[in-house]
């Protein structure tokens, strides 16, 4: 017979540890369960409405759910929020984005979770830096620094994976005055990509 964990005790323990999104491996460690017990317990807790399964092996509490940004960090690892979402977060671009965009060293992927879209673009391992941890209350997530978000965004444009928001007129609509131009150039060198260098010169 499987060792059963009570829904109320699961919720209380996760909230006590400030864990709102977790993997099946983390669940096993917290409640000292075998792989078979974990699978049985998680399936039951999803059916009972305590948890939501984001994808295979990743779960969230239905009550006190994590933010979209926190989900983005855990849904596909390693990753940090960047590109359009980060640019909008820092008010560098005027557009509101309806998907969470992140950088990863793994293959490019798109995940749909409910009404939300999470897109992950591949970047070079050498360029996987320039991000910071944001902590606001219980929220904790990794996001690119403003300069790195711009460089990451221009990199995928230079590869032809995206088109420049608003076309070339976007140059005039980006709020770049507060950005450190030297940091932009330093981050760009990590990619070692001539097309990116040319695009940055056009934008700056």
C-alpha atoms as a PDB file:
ATOM      1  CA  UNK A   1       0.000   0.000   0.000  1.00  0.00           C
ATOM      2  CA  UNK A   2       1.298   3.459  -0.880  1.00  0.00           C
ATOM      3  CA  UNK A   3       2.220   5.910   1.846  1.00  0.00           C
ATOM      4  CA  UNK A   4      -0.434   8.616   1.562  1.00  0.00           C
ATOM      5  CA  UNK A   5       0.284  12.280   2.219  1.00  0.00           C
ATOM      6  CA  UNK A   6      -2.689  14.356   3.307  1.00  0.00           C
ATOM      7  CA  UNK A   7      -3.568  17.313   1.033  1.00  0.00           C
ATOM      8  CA  UNK A   8      -3.744  19.756   3.944  1.00  0.00           C
ATOM      9  CA  UNK A   9      -0.345  18.720   5.294  1.00  0.00           C
ATOM     10  CA  UNK A  10       1.146  19.015   1.781  1.00  0.00           C
ATOM     11  CA  UNK A  11      -0.174  22.555   1.361  1.00  0.00           C
ATOM     12  CA  UNK A  12       0.965  23.616   4.848  1.00  0.00           C
ATOM     13  CA  UNK A  13       4.456  22.167   4.406  1.00  0.00           C
ATOM     14  CA  UNK A  14       4.972  23.742   0.978  1.00  0.00           C
ATOM     15  CA  UNK A  15       3.760  27.158   2.152  1.00  0.00           C
ATOM     16  CA  UNK A  16       5.919  26.919   5.290  1.00  0.00           C
ATOM     17  CA  UNK A  17       8.938  26.365   3.044  1.00  0.00           C
ATOM     18  CA  UNK A  18       7.733  29.133   0.671  1.00  0.00           C
ATOM     19  CA  UNK A  19       7.611  26.636  -2.190  1.00  0.00           C
ATOM     20  CA  UNK A  20       4.856  27.265  -4.732  1.00  0.00           C
ATOM     21  CA  UNK A  21       6.396  25.581  -7.747  1.00  0.00           C
ATOM     22  CA  UNK A  22       8.388  22.368  -7.549  1.00  0.00           C
ATOM     23  CA  UNK A  23       9.540  19.227  -9.328  1.00  0.00           C
ATOM     24  CA  UNK A  24       8.687  15.641  -8.458  1.00  0.00           C
ATOM     25  CA  UNK A  25      12.269  15.200  -7.181  1.00  0.00           C
ATOM     26  CA  UNK A  26      11.826  18.095  -4.742  1.00  0.00           C
ATOM     27  CA  UNK A  27       8.500  16.645  -3.613  1.00  0.00           C
ATOM     28  CA  UNK A  28      10.194  13.310  -2.915  1.00  0.00           C
ATOM     29  CA  UNK A  29      12.862  14.960  -0.753  1.00  0.00           C
ATOM     30  CA  UNK A  30      10.403  17.115   1.202  1.00  0.00           C
ATOM     31  CA  UNK A  31       8.048  14.262   2.083  1.00  0.00           C
ATOM     32  CA  UNK A  32      10.582  11.406   2.065  1.00  0.00           C
ATOM     33  CA  UNK A  33       8.780   9.348  -0.571  1.00  0.00           C
ATOM     34  CA  UNK A  34       9.883   6.726  -3.070  1.00  0.00           C
ATOM     35  CA  UNK A  35       9.479   7.409  -6.818  1.00  0.00           C
ATOM     36  CA  UNK A  36       6.355   5.227  -6.894  1.00  0.00           C
ATOM     37  CA  UNK A  37       4.861   7.007  -3.871  1.00  0.00           C
ATOM     38  CA  UNK A  38       5.633  10.375  -5.450  1.00  0.00           C
ATOM     39  CA  UNK A  39       3.879   9.503  -8.703  1.00  0.00           C
ATOM     40  CA  UNK A  40       0.826   8.152  -6.880  1.00  0.00           C
ATOM     41  CA  UNK A  41       0.623  11.119  -4.479  1.00  0.00           C
ATOM     42  CA  UNK A  42       1.060  13.802  -7.138  1.00  0.00           C
ATOM     43  CA  UNK A  43      -1.535  12.249  -9.443  1.00  0.00           C
ATOM     44  CA  UNK A  44      -3.992  12.110  -6.551  1.00  0.00           C
ATOM     45  CA  UNK A  45      -3.303  15.695  -5.446  1.00  0.00           C
ATOM     46  CA  UNK A  46      -3.816  16.942  -9.021  1.00  0.00           C
ATOM     47  CA  UNK A  47      -7.143  15.095  -9.248  1.00  0.00           C
ATOM     48  CA  UNK A  48      -8.223  16.514  -5.881  1.00  0.00           C
ATOM     49  CA  UNK A  49      -7.498  20.054  -7.079  1.00  0.00           C
ATOM     50  CA  UNK A  50      -4.650  20.960  -4.740  1.00  0.00           C
ATOM     51  CA  UNK A  51      -1.968  21.021  -7.452  1.00  0.00           C
ATOM     52  CA  UNK A  52      -1.716  21.914 -11.127  1.00  0.00           C
ATOM     53  CA  UNK A  53       0.658  20.029 -13.411  1.00  0.00           C
ATOM     54  CA  UNK A  54       2.526  22.511 -15.653  1.00  0.00           C
ATOM     55  CA  UNK A  55       4.348  19.788 -17.564  1.00  0.00           C
ATOM     56  CA  UNK A  56       5.700  16.357 -16.772  1.00  0.00           C
ATOM     57  CA  UNK A  57       7.498  16.581 -13.436  1.00  0.00           C
ATOM     58  CA  UNK A  58       6.651  20.241 -12.635  1.00  0.00           C
ATOM     59  CA  UNK A  59       3.776  21.246 -10.346  1.00  0.00           C
ATOM     60  CA  UNK A  60       2.341  24.356  -8.684  1.00  0.00           C
ATOM     61  CA  UNK A  61      -0.057  25.007  -5.834  1.00  0.00           C
ATOM     62  CA  UNK A  62      -3.487  26.110  -7.054  1.00  0.00           C
ATOM     63  CA  UNK A  63      -3.869  28.331  -3.995  1.00  0.00           C
ATOM     64  CA  UNK A  64      -1.135  30.988  -3.764  1.00  0.00           C
ATOM     65  CA  UNK A  65       0.229  30.111  -7.225  1.00  0.00           C
ATOM     66  CA  UNK A  66       3.628  31.439  -8.335  1.00  0.00           C
ATOM     67  CA  UNK A  67       3.942  34.385 -10.702  1.00  0.00           C
ATOM     68  CA  UNK A  68       4.356  33.931 -14.454  1.00  0.00           C
ATOM     69  CA  UNK A  69       7.979  35.013 -14.085  1.00  0.00           C
ATOM     70  CA  UNK A  70       8.678  32.350 -11.467  1.00  0.00           C
ATOM     71  CA  UNK A  71       7.007  29.714 -13.624  1.00  0.00           C
ATOM     72  CA  UNK A  72       9.146  30.771 -16.588  1.00  0.00           C
ATOM     73  CA  UNK A  73      12.348  30.189 -14.604  1.00  0.00           C
ATOM     74  CA  UNK A  74      11.370  26.652 -13.580  1.00  0.00           C
ATOM     75  CA  UNK A  75       9.460  25.422 -16.637  1.00  0.00           C
ATOM     76  CA  UNK A  76      12.615  25.048 -18.748  1.00  0.00           C
ATOM     77  CA  UNK A  77      16.042  25.117 -17.113  1.00  0.00           C
ATOM     78  CA  UNK A  78      18.510  26.704 -17.286  1.00  0.00           C
ATOM     79  CA  UNK A  79      16.813  29.954 -18.260  1.00  0.00           C
ATOM     80  CA  UNK A  80      16.337  33.592 -17.362  1.00  0.00           C
ATOM     81  CA  UNK A  81      13.718  36.074 -18.597  1.00  0.00           C
ATOM     82  CA  UNK A  82      14.950  38.271 -21.447  1.00  0.00           C
ATOM     83  CA  UNK A  83      14.119  39.595 -24.940  1.00  0.00           C
ATOM     84  CA  UNK A  84      10.778  41.429 -25.410  1.00  0.00           C
ATOM     85  CA  UNK A  85       9.351  40.615 -21.994  1.00  0.00           C
ATOM     86  CA  UNK A  86      12.387  41.995 -20.171  1.00  0.00           C
ATOM     87  CA  UNK A  87      12.520  45.066 -22.435  1.00  0.00           C
ATOM     88  CA  UNK A  88       8.874  45.797 -21.627  1.00  0.00           C
ATOM     89  CA  UNK A  89       9.535  45.108 -17.922  1.00  0.00           C
ATOM     90  CA  UNK A  90      12.186  47.843 -17.937  1.00  0.00           C
ATOM     91  CA  UNK A  91      10.004  50.172 -20.083  1.00  0.00           C
ATOM     92  CA  UNK A  92      12.592  50.122 -22.868  1.00  0.00           C
ATOM     93  CA  UNK A  93       9.889  49.309 -25.406  1.00  0.00           C
ATOM     94  CA  UNK A  94       6.321  50.655 -25.288  1.00  0.00           C
ATOM     95  CA  UNK A  95       4.649  47.416 -26.348  1.00  0.00           C
ATOM     96  CA  UNK A  96       2.989  45.193 -23.794  1.00  0.00           C
ATOM     97  CA  UNK A  97       4.020  41.564 -24.297  1.00  0.00           C
ATOM     98  CA  UNK A  98       1.606  38.695 -23.864  1.00  0.00           C
ATOM     99  CA  UNK A  99       4.163  35.919 -23.660  1.00  0.00           C
ATOM    100  CA  UNK A 100       7.078  35.371 -21.314  1.00  0.00           C
ATOM    101  CA  UNK A 101      10.312  35.266 -23.314  1.00  0.00           C
ATOM    102  CA  UNK A 102      13.428  33.685 -21.858  1.00  0.00           C
ATOM    103  CA  UNK A 103      17.003  32.826 -22.796  1.00  0.00           C
ATOM    104  CA  UNK A 104      18.319  29.284 -22.459  1.00  0.00           C
ATOM    105  CA  UNK A 105      21.319  27.223 -23.531  1.00  0.00           C
ATOM    106  CA  UNK A 106      18.968  24.378 -24.457  1.00  0.00           C
ATOM    107  CA  UNK A 107      17.035  24.040 -27.751  1.00  0.00           C
ATOM    108  CA  UNK A 108      14.424  26.700 -28.542  1.00  0.00           C
ATOM    109  CA  UNK A 109      11.005  25.702 -27.147  1.00  0.00           C
ATOM    110  CA  UNK A 110       7.463  26.985 -26.721  1.00  0.00           C
ATOM    111  CA  UNK A 111       5.237  25.951 -23.823  1.00  0.00           C
ATOM    112  CA  UNK A 112       1.533  26.678 -23.401  1.00  0.00           C
ATOM    113  CA  UNK A 113       0.293  26.740 -19.820  1.00  0.00           C
ATOM    114  CA  UNK A 114      -3.361  27.664 -19.600  1.00  0.00           C
ATOM    115  CA  UNK A 115      -3.723  30.987 -21.393  1.00  0.00           C
ATOM    116  CA  UNK A 116      -0.024  31.807 -21.063  1.00  0.00           C
ATOM    117  CA  UNK A 117       2.779  31.235 -23.563  1.00  0.00           C
ATOM    118  CA  UNK A 118       6.388  30.732 -22.516  1.00  0.00           C
ATOM    119  CA  UNK A 119       8.994  30.988 -25.278  1.00  0.00           C
ATOM    120  CA  UNK A 120      12.648  30.034 -24.802  1.00  0.00           C
ATOM    121  CA  UNK A 121      15.315  31.035 -27.331  1.00  0.00           C
ATOM    122  CA  UNK A 122      18.711  29.371 -27.527  1.00  0.00           C
ATOM    123  CA  UNK A 123      21.731  31.564 -26.864  1.00  0.00           C
ATOM    124  CA  UNK A 124      25.429  30.706 -26.760  1.00  0.00           C
ATOM    125  CA  UNK A 125      26.747  29.227 -23.532  1.00  0.00           C
ATOM    126  CA  UNK A 126      29.424  31.950 -23.477  1.00  0.00           C
ATOM    127  CA  UNK A 127      26.650  34.572 -23.481  1.00  0.00           C
ATOM    128  CA  UNK A 128      24.643  32.977 -20.680  1.00  0.00           C
ATOM    129  CA  UNK A 129      25.299  35.763 -18.180  1.00  0.00           C
ATOM    130  CA  UNK A 130      24.140  39.287 -17.430  1.00  0.00           C
ATOM    131  CA  UNK A 131      21.019  38.402 -15.448  1.00  0.00           C
ATOM    132  CA  UNK A 132      19.961  39.315 -11.925  1.00  0.00           C
ATOM    133  CA  UNK A 133      17.704  37.969  -9.180  1.00  0.00           C
ATOM    134  CA  UNK A 134      14.583  40.052  -8.517  1.00  0.00           C
ATOM    135  CA  UNK A 135      12.977  39.641  -5.086  1.00  0.00           C
ATOM    136  CA  UNK A 136       9.636  41.283  -4.363  1.00  0.00           C
ATOM    137  CA  UNK A 137       7.812  39.876  -1.386  1.00  0.00           C
ATOM    138  CA  UNK A 138       7.464  36.160  -2.052  1.00  0.00           C
ATOM    139  CA  UNK A 139       8.325  36.581  -5.736  1.00  0.00           C
ATOM    140  CA  UNK A 140      11.831  35.554  -6.787  1.00  0.00           C
ATOM    141  CA  UNK A 141      12.903  35.260 -10.410  1.00  0.00           C
ATOM    142  CA  UNK A 142      15.912  35.732 -12.669  1.00  0.00           C
ATOM    143  CA  UNK A 143      15.734  38.352 -15.405  1.00  0.00           C
ATOM    144  CA  UNK A 144      18.310  39.861 -17.750  1.00  0.00           C
ATOM    145  CA  UNK A 145      19.825  43.214 -16.917  1.00  0.00           C
ATOM    146  CA  UNK A 146      18.408  45.922 -19.227  1.00  0.00           C
ATOM    147  CA  UNK A 147      21.518  46.015 -21.419  1.00  0.00           C
ATOM    148  CA  UNK A 148      21.655  42.213 -21.714  1.00  0.00           C
ATOM    149  CA  UNK A 149      17.950  42.008 -22.569  1.00  0.00           C
ATOM    150  CA  UNK A 150      18.568  44.388 -25.477  1.00  0.00           C
ATOM    151  CA  UNK A 151      21.600  42.447 -26.711  1.00  0.00           C
ATOM    152  CA  UNK A 152      19.784  39.099 -26.431  1.00  0.00           C
ATOM    153  CA  UNK A 153      16.838  40.531 -28.356  1.00  0.00           C
ATOM    154  CA  UNK A 154      19.003  41.947 -31.130  1.00  0.00           C
ATOM    155  CA  UNK A 155      20.897  38.650 -31.314  1.00  0.00           C
ATOM    156  CA  UNK A 156      17.825  36.579 -32.213  1.00  0.00           C
ATOM    157  CA  UNK A 157      16.816  39.279 -34.705  1.00  0.00           C
ATOM    158  CA  UNK A 158      20.259  39.027 -36.305  1.00  0.00           C
ATOM    159  CA  UNK A 159      19.678  35.274 -36.661  1.00  0.00           C
ATOM    160  CA  UNK A 160      16.359  35.881 -38.400  1.00  0.00           C
ATOM    161  CA  UNK A 161      14.357  34.206 -35.625  1.00  0.00           C
ATOM    162  CA  UNK A 162      12.421  37.405 -34.905  1.00  0.00           C
ATOM    163  CA  UNK A 163      11.734  40.686 -36.676  1.00  0.00           C
ATOM    164  CA  UNK A 164      12.405  44.053 -35.097  1.00  0.00           C
ATOM    165  CA  UNK A 165       9.319  45.208 -33.207  1.00  0.00           C
ATOM    166  CA  UNK A 166       7.740  48.048 -35.153  1.00  0.00           C
ATOM    167  CA  UNK A 167      10.276  47.666 -37.968  1.00  0.00           C
ATOM    168  CA  UNK A 168      13.270  49.952 -38.220  1.00  0.00           C
ATOM    169  CA  UNK A 169      11.194  52.770 -36.703  1.00  0.00           C
ATOM    170  CA  UNK A 170      11.559  50.842 -33.452  1.00  0.00           C
ATOM    171  CA  UNK A 171      14.969  52.464 -33.056  1.00  0.00           C
ATOM    172  CA  UNK A 172      13.240  55.770 -32.352  1.00  0.00           C
ATOM    173  CA  UNK A 173      10.731  54.188 -29.984  1.00  0.00           C
ATOM    174  CA  UNK A 174      13.216  52.373 -27.757  1.00  0.00           C
ATOM    175  CA  UNK A 175      14.041  54.199 -24.541  1.00  0.00           C
ATOM    176  CA  UNK A 176      17.810  53.703 -24.486  1.00  0.00           C
ATOM    177  CA  UNK A 177      18.990  56.825 -22.655  1.00  0.00           C
ATOM    178  CA  UNK A 178      19.278  55.098 -19.292  1.00  0.00           C
ATOM    179  CA  UNK A 179      21.269  52.157 -20.665  1.00  0.00           C
ATOM    180  CA  UNK A 180      25.020  51.794 -20.266  1.00  0.00           C
ATOM    181  CA  UNK A 181      26.401  51.744 -23.822  1.00  0.00           C
ATOM    182  CA  UNK A 182      29.694  50.183 -22.704  1.00  0.00           C
ATOM    183  CA  UNK A 183      27.848  47.287 -21.037  1.00  0.00           C
ATOM    184  CA  UNK A 184      25.873  46.737 -24.236  1.00  0.00           C
ATOM    185  CA  UNK A 185      29.103  46.411 -26.228  1.00  0.00           C
ATOM    186  CA  UNK A 186      30.656  44.100 -23.618  1.00  0.00           C
ATOM    187  CA  UNK A 187      27.642  41.778 -23.692  1.00  0.00           C
ATOM    188  CA  UNK A 188      27.603  41.868 -27.502  1.00  0.00           C
ATOM    189  CA  UNK A 189      31.222  40.653 -27.657  1.00  0.00           C
ATOM    190  CA  UNK A 190      30.179  37.461 -25.874  1.00  0.00           C
ATOM    191  CA  UNK A 191      28.222  36.453 -28.972  1.00  0.00           C
ATOM    192  CA  UNK A 192      31.097  37.130 -31.389  1.00  0.00           C
ATOM    193  CA  UNK A 193      28.600  37.631 -34.220  1.00  0.00           C
ATOM    194  CA  UNK A 194      29.230  40.342 -36.888  1.00  0.00           C
ATOM    195  CA  UNK A 195      25.547  40.681 -37.798  1.00  0.00           C
ATOM    196  CA  UNK A 196      24.739  41.467 -34.183  1.00  0.00           C
ATOM    197  CA  UNK A 197      27.513  44.065 -34.037  1.00  0.00           C
ATOM    198  CA  UNK A 198      26.120  45.804 -37.126  1.00  0.00           C
ATOM    199  CA  UNK A 199      22.582  45.784 -35.742  1.00  0.00           C
ATOM    200  CA  UNK A 200      23.712  47.253 -32.433  1.00  0.00           C
ATOM    201  CA  UNK A 201      25.469  50.086 -34.261  1.00  0.00           C
ATOM    202  CA  UNK A 202      22.224  50.836 -36.105  1.00  0.00           C
ATOM    203  CA  UNK A 203      20.182  50.876 -32.900  1.00  0.00           C
ATOM    204  CA  UNK A 204      22.652  52.893 -30.842  1.00  0.00           C
END
